[in-house]
């Protein structure tokens, strides 16, 4: 994950989308 920039960027973008499913 640290070395593969494409993988890292993909996970970050998916994380930003995923977080929208949760709220306090």
PDBML (XML) file of the C-alpha atoms, coordinates in Angstrom:
<?xml version="1.0" encoding="UTF-8" ?>
<PDBx:datablock datablockName="MODEL"
   xmlns:PDBx="http://pdbml.pdb.org/schema/pdbx-v50.xsd"
   xmlns:xsi="http://www.w3.org/2001/XMLSchema-instance"
   xsi:schemaLocation="http://pdbml.pdb.org/schema/pdbx-v50.xsd pdbx-v50.xsd">
   <PDBx:atom_siteCategory>
      <PDBx:atom_site id="1">
         <PDBx:B_iso_or_equiv>0.00</PDBx:B_iso_or_equiv>
         <PDBx:Cartn_x>0.000</PDBx:Cartn_x>
         <PDBx:Cartn_y>0.000</PDBx:Cartn_y>
         <PDBx:Cartn_z>0.000</PDBx:Cartn_z>
         <PDBx:auth_asym_id>A</PDBx:auth_asym_id>
         <PDBx:auth_atom_id>CA</PDBx:auth_atom_id>
         <PDBx:auth_comp_id>UNK</PDBx:auth_comp_id>
         <PDBx:auth_seq_id>1</PDBx:auth_seq_id>
         <PDBx:group_PDB>ATOM</PDBx:group_PDB>
         <PDBx:label_alt_id xsi:nil="true" />
         <PDBx:label_asym_id>A</PDBx:label_asym_id>
         <PDBx:label_atom_id>CA</PDBx:label_atom_id>
         <PDBx:label_comp_id>UNK</PDBx:label_comp_id>
         <PDBx:label_entity_id>1</PDBx:label_entity_id>
         <PDBx:label_seq_id>1</PDBx:label_seq_id>
         <PDBx:occupancy>1.00</PDBx:occupancy>
         <PDBx:pdbx_PDB_model_num>1</PDBx:pdbx_PDB_model_num>
         <PDBx:type_symbol>C</PDBx:type_symbol>
      </PDBx:atom_site>
      <PDBx:atom_site id="2">
         <PDBx:B_iso_or_equiv>0.00</PDBx:B_iso_or_equiv>
         <PDBx:Cartn_x>2.867</PDBx:Cartn_x>
         <PDBx:Cartn_y>2.383</PDBx:Cartn_y>
         <PDBx:Cartn_z>0.750</PDBx:Cartn_z>
         <PDBx:auth_asym_id>A</PDBx:auth_asym_id>
         <PDBx:auth_atom_id>CA</PDBx:auth_atom_id>
         <PDBx:auth_comp_id>UNK</PDBx:auth_comp_id>
         <PDBx:auth_seq_id>2</PDBx:auth_seq_id>
         <PDBx:group_PDB>ATOM</PDBx:group_PDB>
         <PDBx:label_alt_id xsi:nil="true" />
         <PDBx:label_asym_id>A</PDBx:label_asym_id>
         <PDBx:label_atom_id>CA</PDBx:label_atom_id>
         <PDBx:label_comp_id>UNK</PDBx:label_comp_id>
         <PDBx:label_entity_id>1</PDBx:label_entity_id>
         <PDBx:label_seq_id>2</PDBx:label_seq_id>
         <PDBx:occupancy>1.00</PDBx:occupancy>
         <PDBx:pdbx_PDB_model_num>1</PDBx:pdbx_PDB_model_num>
         <PDBx:type_symbol>C</PDBx:type_symbol>
      </PDBx:atom_site>
      <PDBx:atom_site id="3">
         <PDBx:B_iso_or_equiv>0.00</PDBx:B_iso_or_equiv>
         <PDBx:Cartn_x>4.743</PDBx:Cartn_x>
         <PDBx:Cartn_y>1.665</PDBx:Cartn_y>
         <PDBx:Cartn_z>-2.486</PDBx:Cartn_z>
         <PDBx:auth_asym_id>A</PDBx:auth_asym_id>
         <PDBx:auth_atom_id>CA</PDBx:auth_atom_id>
         <PDBx:auth_comp_id>UNK</PDBx:auth_comp_id>
         <PDBx:auth_seq_id>3</PDBx:auth_seq_id>
         <PDBx:group_PDB>ATOM</PDBx:group_PDB>
         <PDBx:label_alt_id xsi:nil="true" />
         <PDBx:label_asym_id>A</PDBx:label_asym_id>
         <PDBx:label_atom_id>CA</PDBx:label_atom_id>
         <PDBx:label_comp_id>UNK</PDBx:label_comp_id>
         <PDBx:label_entity_id>1</PDBx:label_entity_id>
         <PDBx:label_seq_id>3</PDBx:label_seq_id>
         <PDBx:occupancy>1.00</PDBx:occupancy>
         <PDBx:pdbx_PDB_model_num>1</PDBx:pdbx_PDB_model_num>
         <PDBx:type_symbol>C</PDBx:type_symbol>
      </PDBx:atom_site>
      <PDBx:atom_site id="4">
         <PDBx:B_iso_or_equiv>0.00</PDBx:B_iso_or_equiv>
         <PDBx:Cartn_x>1.870</PDBx:Cartn_x>
         <PDBx:Cartn_y>1.214</PDBx:Cartn_y>
         <PDBx:Cartn_z>-4.974</PDBx:Cartn_z>
         <PDBx:auth_asym_id>A</PDBx:auth_asym_id>
         <PDBx:auth_atom_id>CA</PDBx:auth_atom_id>
         <PDBx:auth_comp_id>UNK</PDBx:auth_comp_id>
         <PDBx:auth_seq_id>4</PDBx:auth_seq_id>
         <PDBx:group_PDB>ATOM</PDBx:group_PDB>
         <PDBx:label_alt_id xsi:nil="true" />
         <PDBx:label_asym_id>A</PDBx:label_asym_id>
         <PDBx:label_atom_id>CA</PDBx:label_atom_id>
         <PDBx:label_comp_id>UNK</PDBx:label_comp_id>
         <PDBx:label_entity_id>1</PDBx:label_entity_id>
         <PDBx:label_seq_id>4</PDBx:label_seq_id>
         <PDBx:occupancy>1.00</PDBx:occupancy>
         <PDBx:pdbx_PDB_model_num>1</PDBx:pdbx_PDB_model_num>
         <PDBx:type_symbol>C</PDBx:type_symbol>
      </PDBx:atom_site>
      <PDBx:atom_site id="5">
         <PDBx:B_iso_or_equiv>0.00</PDBx:B_iso_or_equiv>
         <PDBx:Cartn_x>0.616</PDBx:Cartn_x>
         <PDBx:Cartn_y>4.746</PDBx:Cartn_y>
         <PDBx:Cartn_z>-5.651</PDBx:Cartn_z>
         <PDBx:auth_asym_id>A</PDBx:auth_asym_id>
         <PDBx:auth_atom_id>CA</PDBx:auth_atom_id>
         <PDBx:auth_comp_id>UNK</PDBx:auth_comp_id>
         <PDBx:auth_seq_id>5</PDBx:auth_seq_id>
         <PDBx:group_PDB>ATOM</PDBx:group_PDB>
         <PDBx:label_alt_id xsi:nil="true" />
         <PDBx:label_asym_id>A</PDBx:label_asym_id>
         <PDBx:label_atom_id>CA</PDBx:label_atom_id>
         <PDBx:label_comp_id>UNK</PDBx:label_comp_id>
         <PDBx:label_entity_id>1</PDBx:label_entity_id>
         <PDBx:label_seq_id>5</PDBx:label_seq_id>
         <PDBx:occupancy>1.00</PDBx:occupancy>
         <PDBx:pdbx_PDB_model_num>1</PDBx:pdbx_PDB_model_num>
         <PDBx:type_symbol>C</PDBx:type_symbol>
      </PDBx:atom_site>
      <PDBx:atom_site id="6">
         <PDBx:B_iso_or_equiv>0.00</PDBx:B_iso_or_equiv>
         <PDBx:Cartn_x>-2.313</PDBx:Cartn_x>
         <PDBx:Cartn_y>3.550</PDBx:Cartn_y>
         <PDBx:Cartn_z>-7.774</PDBx:Cartn_z>
         <PDBx:auth_asym_id>A</PDBx:auth_asym_id>
         <PDBx:auth_atom_id>CA</PDBx:auth_atom_id>
         <PDBx:auth_comp_id>UNK</PDBx:auth_comp_id>
         <PDBx:auth_seq_id>6</PDBx:auth_seq_id>
         <PDBx:group_PDB>ATOM</PDBx:group_PDB>
         <PDBx:label_alt_id xsi:nil="true" />
         <PDBx:label_asym_id>A</PDBx:label_asym_id>
         <PDBx:label_atom_id>CA</PDBx:label_atom_id>
         <PDBx:label_comp_id>UNK</PDBx:label_comp_id>
         <PDBx:label_entity_id>1</PDBx:label_entity_id>
         <PDBx:label_seq_id>6</PDBx:label_seq_id>
         <PDBx:occupancy>1.00</PDBx:occupancy>
         <PDBx:pdbx_PDB_model_num>1</PDBx:pdbx_PDB_model_num>
         <PDBx:type_symbol>C</PDBx:type_symbol>
      </PDBx:atom_site>
      <PDBx:atom_site id="7">
         <PDBx:B_iso_or_equiv>0.00</PDBx:B_iso_or_equiv>
         <PDBx:Cartn_x>-3.479</PDBx:Cartn_x>
         <PDBx:Cartn_y>1.162</PDBx:Cartn_y>
         <PDBx:Cartn_z>-5.068</PDBx:Cartn_z>
         <PDBx:auth_asym_id>A</PDBx:auth_asym_id>
         <PDBx:auth_atom_id>CA</PDBx:auth_atom_id>
         <PDBx:auth_comp_id>UNK</PDBx:auth_comp_id>
         <PDBx:auth_seq_id>7</PDBx:auth_seq_id>
         <PDBx:group_PDB>ATOM</PDBx:group_PDB>
         <PDBx:label_alt_id xsi:nil="true" />
         <PDBx:label_asym_id>A</PDBx:label_asym_id>
         <PDBx:label_atom_id>CA</PDBx:label_atom_id>
         <PDBx:label_comp_id>UNK</PDBx:label_comp_id>
         <PDBx:label_entity_id>1</PDBx:label_entity_id>
         <PDBx:label_seq_id>7</PDBx:label_seq_id>
         <PDBx:occupancy>1.00</PDBx:occupancy>
         <PDBx:pdbx_PDB_model_num>1</PDBx:pdbx_PDB_model_num>
         <PDBx:type_symbol>C</PDBx:type_symbol>
      </PDBx:atom_site>
      <PDBx:atom_site id="8">
         <PDBx:B_iso_or_equiv>0.00</PDBx:B_iso_or_equiv>
         <PDBx:Cartn_x>-3.050</PDBx:Cartn_x>
         <PDBx:Cartn_y>3.823</PDBx:Cartn_y>
         <PDBx:Cartn_z>-2.392</PDBx:Cartn_z>
         <PDBx:auth_asym_id>A</PDBx:auth_asym_id>
         <PDBx:auth_atom_id>CA</PDBx:auth_atom_id>
         <PDBx:auth_comp_id>UNK</PDBx:auth_comp_id>
         <PDBx:auth_seq_id>8</PDBx:auth_seq_id>
         <PDBx:group_PDB>ATOM</PDBx:group_PDB>
         <PDBx:label_alt_id xsi:nil="true" />
         <PDBx:label_asym_id>A</PDBx:label_asym_id>
         <PDBx:label_atom_id>CA</PDBx:label_atom_id>
         <PDBx:label_comp_id>UNK</PDBx:label_comp_id>
         <PDBx:label_entity_id>1</PDBx:label_entity_id>
         <PDBx:label_seq_id>8</PDBx:label_seq_id>
         <PDBx:occupancy>1.00</PDBx:occupancy>
         <PDBx:pdbx_PDB_model_num>1</PDBx:pdbx_PDB_model_num>
         <PDBx:type_symbol>C</PDBx:type_symbol>
      </PDBx:atom_site>
      <PDBx:atom_site id="9">
         <PDBx:B_iso_or_equiv>0.00</PDBx:B_iso_or_equiv>
         <PDBx:Cartn_x>-4.999</PDBx:Cartn_x>
         <PDBx:Cartn_y>6.425</PDBx:Cartn_y>
         <PDBx:Cartn_z>-4.405</PDBx:Cartn_z>
         <PDBx:auth_asym_id>A</PDBx:auth_asym_id>
         <PDBx:auth_atom_id>CA</PDBx:auth_atom_id>
         <PDBx:auth_comp_id>UNK</PDBx:auth_comp_id>
         <PDBx:auth_seq_id>9</PDBx:auth_seq_id>
         <PDBx:group_PDB>ATOM</PDBx:group_PDB>
         <PDBx:label_alt_id xsi:nil="true" />
         <PDBx:label_asym_id>A</PDBx:label_asym_id>
         <PDBx:label_atom_id>CA</PDBx:label_atom_id>
         <PDBx:label_comp_id>UNK</PDBx:label_comp_id>
         <PDBx:label_entity_id>1</PDBx:label_entity_id>
         <PDBx:label_seq_id>9</PDBx:label_seq_id>
         <PDBx:occupancy>1.00</PDBx:occupancy>
         <PDBx:pdbx_PDB_model_num>1</PDBx:pdbx_PDB_model_num>
         <PDBx:type_symbol>C</PDBx:type_symbol>
      </PDBx:atom_site>
      <PDBx:atom_site id="10">
         <PDBx:B_iso_or_equiv>0.00</PDBx:B_iso_or_equiv>
         <PDBx:Cartn_x>-7.761</PDBx:Cartn_x>
         <PDBx:Cartn_y>3.913</PDBx:Cartn_y>
         <PDBx:Cartn_z>-5.167</PDBx:Cartn_z>
         <PDBx:auth_asym_id>A</PDBx:auth_asym_id>
         <PDBx:auth_atom_id>CA</PDBx:auth_atom_id>
         <PDBx:auth_comp_id>UNK</PDBx:auth_comp_id>
         <PDBx:auth_seq_id>10</PDBx:auth_seq_id>
         <PDBx:group_PDB>ATOM</PDBx:group_PDB>
         <PDBx:label_alt_id xsi:nil="true" />
         <PDBx:label_asym_id>A</PDBx:label_asym_id>
         <PDBx:label_atom_id>CA</PDBx:label_atom_id>
         <PDBx:label_comp_id>UNK</PDBx:label_comp_id>
         <PDBx:label_entity_id>1</PDBx:label_entity_id>
         <PDBx:label_seq_id>10</PDBx:label_seq_id>
         <PDBx:occupancy>1.00</PDBx:occupancy>
         <PDBx:pdbx_PDB_model_num>1</PDBx:pdbx_PDB_model_num>
         <PDBx:type_symbol>C</PDBx:type_symbol>
      </PDBx:atom_site>
      <PDBx:atom_site id="11">
         <PDBx:B_iso_or_equiv>0.00</PDBx:B_iso_or_equiv>
         <PDBx:Cartn_x>-8.134</PDBx:Cartn_x>
         <PDBx:Cartn_y>2.995</PDBx:Cartn_y>
         <PDBx:Cartn_z>-1.490</PDBx:Cartn_z>
         <PDBx:auth_asym_id>A</PDBx:auth_asym_id>
         <PDBx:auth_atom_id>CA</PDBx:auth_atom_id>
         <PDBx:auth_comp_id>UNK</PDBx:auth_comp_id>
         <PDBx:auth_seq_id>11</PDBx:auth_seq_id>
         <PDBx:group_PDB>ATOM</PDBx:group_PDB>
         <PDBx:label_alt_id xsi:nil="true" />
         <PDBx:label_asym_id>A</PDBx:label_asym_id>
         <PDBx:label_atom_id>CA</PDBx:label_atom_id>
         <PDBx:label_comp_id>UNK</PDBx:label_comp_id>
         <PDBx:label_entity_id>1</PDBx:label_entity_id>
         <PDBx:label_seq_id>11</PDBx:label_seq_id>
         <PDBx:occupancy>1.00</PDBx:occupancy>
         <PDBx:pdbx_PDB_model_num>1</PDBx:pdbx_PDB_model_num>
         <PDBx:type_symbol>C</PDBx:type_symbol>
      </PDBx:atom_site>
      <PDBx:atom_site id="12">
         <PDBx:B_iso_or_equiv>0.00</PDBx:B_iso_or_equiv>
         <PDBx:Cartn_x>-8.203</PDBx:Cartn_x>
         <PDBx:Cartn_y>6.662</PDBx:Cartn_y>
         <PDBx:Cartn_z>-0.476</PDBx:Cartn_z>
         <PDBx:auth_asym_id>A</PDBx:auth_asym_id>
         <PDBx:auth_atom_id>CA</PDBx:auth_atom_id>
         <PDBx:auth_comp_id>UNK</PDBx:auth_comp_id>
         <PDBx:auth_seq_id>12</PDBx:auth_seq_id>
         <PDBx:group_PDB>ATOM</PDBx:group_PDB>
         <PDBx:label_alt_id xsi:nil="true" />
         <PDBx:label_asym_id>A</PDBx:label_asym_id>
         <PDBx:label_atom_id>CA</PDBx:label_atom_id>
         <PDBx:label_comp_id>UNK</PDBx:label_comp_id>
         <PDBx:label_entity_id>1</PDBx:label_entity_id>
         <PDBx:label_seq_id>12</PDBx:label_seq_id>
         <PDBx:occupancy>1.00</PDBx:occupancy>
         <PDBx:pdbx_PDB_model_num>1</PDBx:pdbx_PDB_model_num>
         <PDBx:type_symbol>C</PDBx:type_symbol>
      </PDBx:atom_site>
      <PDBx:atom_site id="13">
         <PDBx:B_iso_or_equiv>0.00</PDBx:B_iso_or_equiv>
         <PDBx:Cartn_x>-10.933</PDBx:Cartn_x>
         <PDBx:Cartn_y>7.484</PDBx:Cartn_y>
         <PDBx:Cartn_z>-2.993</PDBx:Cartn_z>
         <PDBx:auth_asym_id>A</PDBx:auth_asym_id>
         <PDBx:auth_atom_id>CA</PDBx:auth_atom_id>
         <PDBx:auth_comp_id>UNK</PDBx:auth_comp_id>
         <PDBx:auth_seq_id>13</PDBx:auth_seq_id>
         <PDBx:group_PDB>ATOM</PDBx:group_PDB>
         <PDBx:label_alt_id xsi:nil="true" />
         <PDBx:label_asym_id>A</PDBx:label_asym_id>
         <PDBx:label_atom_id>CA</PDBx:label_atom_id>
         <PDBx:label_comp_id>UNK</PDBx:label_comp_id>
         <PDBx:label_entity_id>1</PDBx:label_entity_id>
         <PDBx:label_seq_id>13</PDBx:label_seq_id>
         <PDBx:occupancy>1.00</PDBx:occupancy>
         <PDBx:pdbx_PDB_model_num>1</PDBx:pdbx_PDB_model_num>
         <PDBx:type_symbol>C</PDBx:type_symbol>
      </PDBx:atom_site>
      <PDBx:atom_site id="14">
         <PDBx:B_iso_or_equiv>0.00</PDBx:B_iso_or_equiv>
         <PDBx:Cartn_x>-12.989</PDBx:Cartn_x>
         <PDBx:Cartn_y>4.445</PDBx:Cartn_y>
         <PDBx:Cartn_z>-1.999</PDBx:Cartn_z>
         <PDBx:auth_asym_id>A</PDBx:auth_asym_id>
         <PDBx:auth_atom_id>CA</PDBx:auth_atom_id>
         <PDBx:auth_comp_id>UNK</PDBx:auth_comp_id>
         <PDBx:auth_seq_id>14</PDBx:auth_seq_id>
         <PDBx:group_PDB>ATOM</PDBx:group_PDB>
         <PDBx:label_alt_id xsi:nil="true" />
         <PDBx:label_asym_id>A</PDBx:label_asym_id>
         <PDBx:label_atom_id>CA</PDBx:label_atom_id>
         <PDBx:label_comp_id>UNK</PDBx:label_comp_id>
         <PDBx:label_entity_id>1</PDBx:label_entity_id>
         <PDBx:label_seq_id>14</PDBx:label_seq_id>
         <PDBx:occupancy>1.00</PDBx:occupancy>
         <PDBx:pdbx_PDB_model_num>1</PDBx:pdbx_PDB_model_num>
         <PDBx:type_symbol>C</PDBx:type_symbol>
      </PDBx:atom_site>
      <PDBx:atom_site id="15">
         <PDBx:B_iso_or_equiv>0.00</PDBx:B_iso_or_equiv>
         <PDBx:Cartn_x>-12.536</PDBx:Cartn_x>
         <PDBx:Cartn_y>5.438</PDBx:Cartn_y>
         <PDBx:Cartn_z>1.635</PDBx:Cartn_z>
         <PDBx:auth_asym_id>A</PDBx:auth_asym_id>
         <PDBx:auth_atom_id>CA</PDBx:auth_atom_id>
         <PDBx:auth_comp_id>UNK</PDBx:auth_comp_id>
         <PDBx:auth_seq_id>15</PDBx:auth_seq_id>
         <PDBx:group_PDB>ATOM</PDBx:group_PDB>
         <PDBx:label_alt_id xsi:nil="true" />
         <PDBx:label_asym_id>A</PDBx:label_asym_id>
         <PDBx:label_atom_id>CA</PDBx:label_atom_id>
         <PDBx:label_comp_id>UNK</PDBx:label_comp_id>
         <PDBx:label_entity_id>1</PDBx:label_entity_id>
         <PDBx:label_seq_id>15</PDBx:label_seq_id>
         <PDBx:occupancy>1.00</PDBx:occupancy>
         <PDBx:pdbx_PDB_model_num>1</PDBx:pdbx_PDB_model_num>
         <PDBx:type_symbol>C</PDBx:type_symbol>
      </PDBx:atom_site>
      <PDBx:atom_site id="16">
         <PDBx:B_iso_or_equiv>0.00</PDBx:B_iso_or_equiv>
         <PDBx:Cartn_x>-13.923</PDBx:Cartn_x>
         <PDBx:Cartn_y>8.920</PDBx:Cartn_y>
         <PDBx:Cartn_z>0.968</PDBx:Cartn_z>
         <PDBx:auth_asym_id>A</PDBx:auth_asym_id>
         <PDBx:auth_atom_id>CA</PDBx:auth_atom_id>
         <PDBx:auth_comp_id>UNK</PDBx:auth_comp_id>
         <PDBx:auth_seq_id>16</PDBx:auth_seq_id>
         <PDBx:group_PDB>ATOM</PDBx:group_PDB>
         <PDBx:label_alt_id xsi:nil="true" />
         <PDBx:label_asym_id>A</PDBx:label_asym_id>
         <PDBx:label_atom_id>CA</PDBx:label_atom_id>
         <PDBx:label_comp_id>UNK</PDBx:label_comp_id>
         <PDBx:label_entity_id>1</PDBx:label_entity_id>
         <PDBx:label_seq_id>16</PDBx:label_seq_id>
         <PDBx:occupancy>1.00</PDBx:occupancy>
         <PDBx:pdbx_PDB_model_num>1</PDBx:pdbx_PDB_model_num>
         <PDBx:type_symbol>C</PDBx:type_symbol>
      </PDBx:atom_site>
      <PDBx:atom_site id="17">
         <PDBx:B_iso_or_equiv>0.00</PDBx:B_iso_or_equiv>
         <PDBx:Cartn_x>-16.963</PDBx:Cartn_x>
         <PDBx:Cartn_y>7.337</PDBx:Cartn_y>
         <PDBx:Cartn_z>-0.693</PDBx:Cartn_z>
         <PDBx:auth_asym_id>A</PDBx:auth_asym_id>
         <PDBx:auth_atom_id>CA</PDBx:auth_atom_id>
         <PDBx:auth_comp_id>UNK</PDBx:auth_comp_id>
         <PDBx:auth_seq_id>17</PDBx:auth_seq_id>
         <PDBx:group_PDB>ATOM</PDBx:group_PDB>
         <PDBx:label_alt_id xsi:nil="true" />
         <PDBx:label_asym_id>A</PDBx:label_asym_id>
         <PDBx:label_atom_id>CA</PDBx:label_atom_id>
         <PDBx:label_comp_id>UNK</PDBx:label_comp_id>
         <PDBx:label_entity_id>1</PDBx:label_entity_id>
         <PDBx:label_seq_id>17</PDBx:label_seq_id>
         <PDBx:occupancy>1.00</PDBx:occupancy>
         <PDBx:pdbx_PDB_model_num>1</PDBx:pdbx_PDB_model_num>
         <PDBx:type_symbol>C</PDBx:type_symbol>
      </PDBx:atom_site>
      <PDBx:atom_site id="18">
         <PDBx:B_iso_or_equiv>0.00</PDBx:B_iso_or_equiv>
         <PDBx:Cartn_x>-17.393</PDBx:Cartn_x>
         <PDBx:Cartn_y>4.740</PDBx:Cartn_y>
         <PDBx:Cartn_z>2.048</PDBx:Cartn_z>
         <PDBx:auth_asym_id>A</PDBx:auth_asym_id>
         <PDBx:auth_atom_id>CA</PDBx:auth_atom_id>
         <PDBx:auth_comp_id>UNK</PDBx:auth_comp_id>
         <PDBx:auth_seq_id>18</PDBx:auth_seq_id>
         <PDBx:group_PDB>ATOM</PDBx:group_PDB>
         <PDBx:label_alt_id xsi:nil="true" />
         <PDBx:label_asym_id>A</PDBx:label_asym_id>
         <PDBx:label_atom_id>CA</PDBx:label_atom_id>
         <PDBx:label_comp_id>UNK</PDBx:label_comp_id>
         <PDBx:label_entity_id>1</PDBx:label_entity_id>
         <PDBx:label_seq_id>18</PDBx:label_seq_id>
         <PDBx:occupancy>1.00</PDBx:occupancy>
         <PDBx:pdbx_PDB_model_num>1</PDBx:pdbx_PDB_model_num>
         <PDBx:type_symbol>C</PDBx:type_symbol>
      </PDBx:atom_site>
      <PDBx:atom_site id="19">
         <PDBx:B_iso_or_equiv>0.00</PDBx:B_iso_or_equiv>
         <PDBx:Cartn_x>-17.326</PDBx:Cartn_x>
         <PDBx:Cartn_y>7.259</PDBx:Cartn_y>
         <PDBx:Cartn_z>4.892</PDBx:Cartn_z>
         <PDBx:auth_asym_id>A</PDBx:auth_asym_id>
         <PDBx:auth_atom_id>CA</PDBx:auth_atom_id>
         <PDBx:auth_comp_id>UNK</PDBx:auth_comp_id>
         <PDBx:auth_seq_id>19</PDBx:auth_seq_id>
         <PDBx:group_PDB>ATOM</PDBx:group_PDB>
         <PDBx:label_alt_id xsi:nil="true" />
         <PDBx:label_asym_id>A</PDBx:label_asym_id>
         <PDBx:label_atom_id>CA</PDBx:label_atom_id>
         <PDBx:label_comp_id>UNK</PDBx:label_comp_id>
         <PDBx:label_entity_id>1</PDBx:label_entity_id>
         <PDBx:label_seq_id>19</PDBx:label_seq_id>
         <PDBx:occupancy>1.00</PDBx:occupancy>
         <PDBx:pdbx_PDB_model_num>1</PDBx:pdbx_PDB_model_num>
         <PDBx:type_symbol>C</PDBx:type_symbol>
      </PDBx:atom_site>
      <PDBx:atom_site id="20">
         <PDBx:B_iso_or_equiv>0.00</PDBx:B_iso_or_equiv>
         <PDBx:Cartn_x>-20.478</PDBx:Cartn_x>
         <PDBx:Cartn_y>8.875</PDBx:Cartn_y>
         <PDBx:Cartn_z>3.508</PDBx:Cartn_z>
         <PDBx:auth_asym_id>A</PDBx:auth_asym_id>
         <PDBx:auth_atom_id>CA</PDBx:auth_atom_id>
         <PDBx:auth_comp_id>UNK</PDBx:auth_comp_id>
         <PDBx:auth_seq_id>20</PDBx:auth_seq_id>
         <PDBx:group_PDB>ATOM</PDBx:group_PDB>
         <PDBx:label_alt_id xsi:nil="true" />
         <PDBx:label_asym_id>A</PDBx:label_asym_id>
         <PDBx:label_atom_id>CA</PDBx:label_atom_id>
         <PDBx:label_comp_id>UNK</PDBx:label_comp_id>
         <PDBx:label_entity_id>1</PDBx:label_entity_id>
         <PDBx:label_seq_id>20</PDBx:label_seq_id>
         <PDBx:occupancy>1.00</PDBx:occupancy>
         <PDBx:pdbx_PDB_model_num>1</PDBx:pdbx_PDB_model_num>
         <PDBx:type_symbol>C</PDBx:type_symbol>
      </PDBx:atom_site>
      <PDBx:atom_site id="21">
         <PDBx:B_iso_or_equiv>0.00</PDBx:B_iso_or_equiv>
         <PDBx:Cartn_x>-22.392</PDBx:Cartn_x>
         <PDBx:Cartn_y>5.776</PDBx:Cartn_y>
         <PDBx:Cartn_z>4.675</PDBx:Cartn_z>
         <PDBx:auth_asym_id>A</PDBx:auth_asym_id>
         <PDBx:auth_atom_id>CA</PDBx:auth_atom_id>
         <PDBx:auth_comp_id>UNK</PDBx:auth_comp_id>
         <PDBx:auth_seq_id>21</PDBx:auth_seq_id>
         <PDBx:group_PDB>ATOM</PDBx:group_PDB>
         <PDBx:label_alt_id xsi:nil="true" />
         <PDBx:label_asym_id>A</PDBx:label_asym_id>
         <PDBx:label_atom_id>CA</PDBx:label_atom_id>
         <PDBx:label_comp_id>UNK</PDBx:label_comp_id>
         <PDBx:label_entity_id>1</PDBx:label_entity_id>
         <PDBx:label_seq_id>21</PDBx:label_seq_id>
         <PDBx:occupancy>1.00</PDBx:occupancy>
         <PDBx:pdbx_PDB_model_num>1</PDBx:pdbx_PDB_model_num>
         <PDBx:type_symbol>C</PDBx:type_symbol>
      </PDBx:atom_site>
      <PDBx:atom_site id="22">
         <PDBx:B_iso_or_equiv>0.00</PDBx:B_iso_or_equiv>
         <PDBx:Cartn_x>-21.675</PDBx:Cartn_x>
         <PDBx:Cartn_y>6.540</PDBx:Cartn_y>
         <PDBx:Cartn_z>8.329</PDBx:Cartn_z>
         <PDBx:auth_asym_id>A</PDBx:auth_asym_id>
         <PDBx:auth_atom_id>CA</PDBx:auth_atom_id>
         <PDBx:auth_comp_id>UNK</PDBx:auth_comp_id>
         <PDBx:auth_seq_id>22</PDBx:auth_seq_id>
         <PDBx:group_PDB>ATOM</PDBx:group_PDB>
         <PDBx:label_alt_id xsi:nil="true" />
         <PDBx:label_asym_id>A</PDBx:label_asym_id>
         <PDBx:label_atom_id>CA</PDBx:label_atom_id>
         <PDBx:label_comp_id>UNK</PDBx:label_comp_id>
         <PDBx:label_entity_id>1</PDBx:label_entity_id>
         <PDBx:label_seq_id>22</PDBx:label_seq_id>
         <PDBx:occupancy>1.00</PDBx:occupancy>
         <PDBx:pdbx_PDB_model_num>1</PDBx:pdbx_PDB_model_num>
         <PDBx:type_symbol>C</PDBx:type_symbol>
      </PDBx:atom_site>
      <PDBx:atom_site id="23">
         <PDBx:B_iso_or_equiv>0.00</PDBx:B_iso_or_equiv>
         <PDBx:Cartn_x>-22.584</PDBx:Cartn_x>
         <PDBx:Cartn_y>9.310</PDBx:Cartn_y>
         <PDBx:Cartn_z>10.754</PDBx:Cartn_z>
         <PDBx:auth_asym_id>A</PDBx:auth_asym_id>
         <PDBx:auth_atom_id>CA</PDBx:auth_atom_id>
         <PDBx:auth_comp_id>UNK</PDBx:auth_comp_id>
         <PDBx:auth_seq_id>23</PDBx:auth_seq_id>
         <PDBx:group_PDB>ATOM</PDBx:group_PDB>
         <PDBx:label_alt_id xsi:nil="true" />
         <PDBx:label_asym_id>A</PDBx:label_asym_id>
         <PDBx:label_atom_id>CA</PDBx:label_atom_id>
         <PDBx:label_comp_id>UNK</PDBx:label_comp_id>
         <PDBx:label_entity_id>1</PDBx:label_entity_id>
         <PDBx:label_seq_id>23</PDBx:label_seq_id>
         <PDBx:occupancy>1.00</PDBx:occupancy>
         <PDBx:pdbx_PDB_model_num>1</PDBx:pdbx_PDB_model_num>
         <PDBx:type_symbol>C</PDBx:type_symbol>
      </PDBx:atom_site>
      <PDBx:atom_site id="24">
         <PDBx:B_iso_or_equiv>0.00</PDBx:B_iso_or_equiv>
         <PDBx:Cartn_x>-22.790</PDBx:Cartn_x>
         <PDBx:Cartn_y>9.744</PDBx:Cartn_y>
         <PDBx:Cartn_z>14.517</PDBx:Cartn_z>
         <PDBx:auth_asym_id>A</PDBx:auth_asym_id>
         <PDBx:auth_atom_id>CA</PDBx:auth_atom_id>
         <PDBx:auth_comp_id>UNK</PDBx:auth_comp_id>
         <PDBx:auth_seq_id>24</PDBx:auth_seq_id>
         <PDBx:group_PDB>ATOM</PDBx:group_PDB>
         <PDBx:label_alt_id xsi:nil="true" />
         <PDBx:label_asym_id>A</PDBx:label_asym_id>
         <PDBx:label_atom_id>CA</PDBx:label_atom_id>
         <PDBx:label_comp_id>UNK</PDBx:label_comp_id>
         <PDBx:label_entity_id>1</PDBx:label_entity_id>
         <PDBx:label_seq_id>24</PDBx:label_seq_id>
         <PDBx:occupancy>1.00</PDBx:occupancy>
         <PDBx:pdbx_PDB_model_num>1</PDBx:pdbx_PDB_model_num>
         <PDBx:type_symbol>C</PDBx:type_symbol>
      </PDBx:atom_site>
   </PDBx:atom_siteCategory>
</PDBx:datablock>
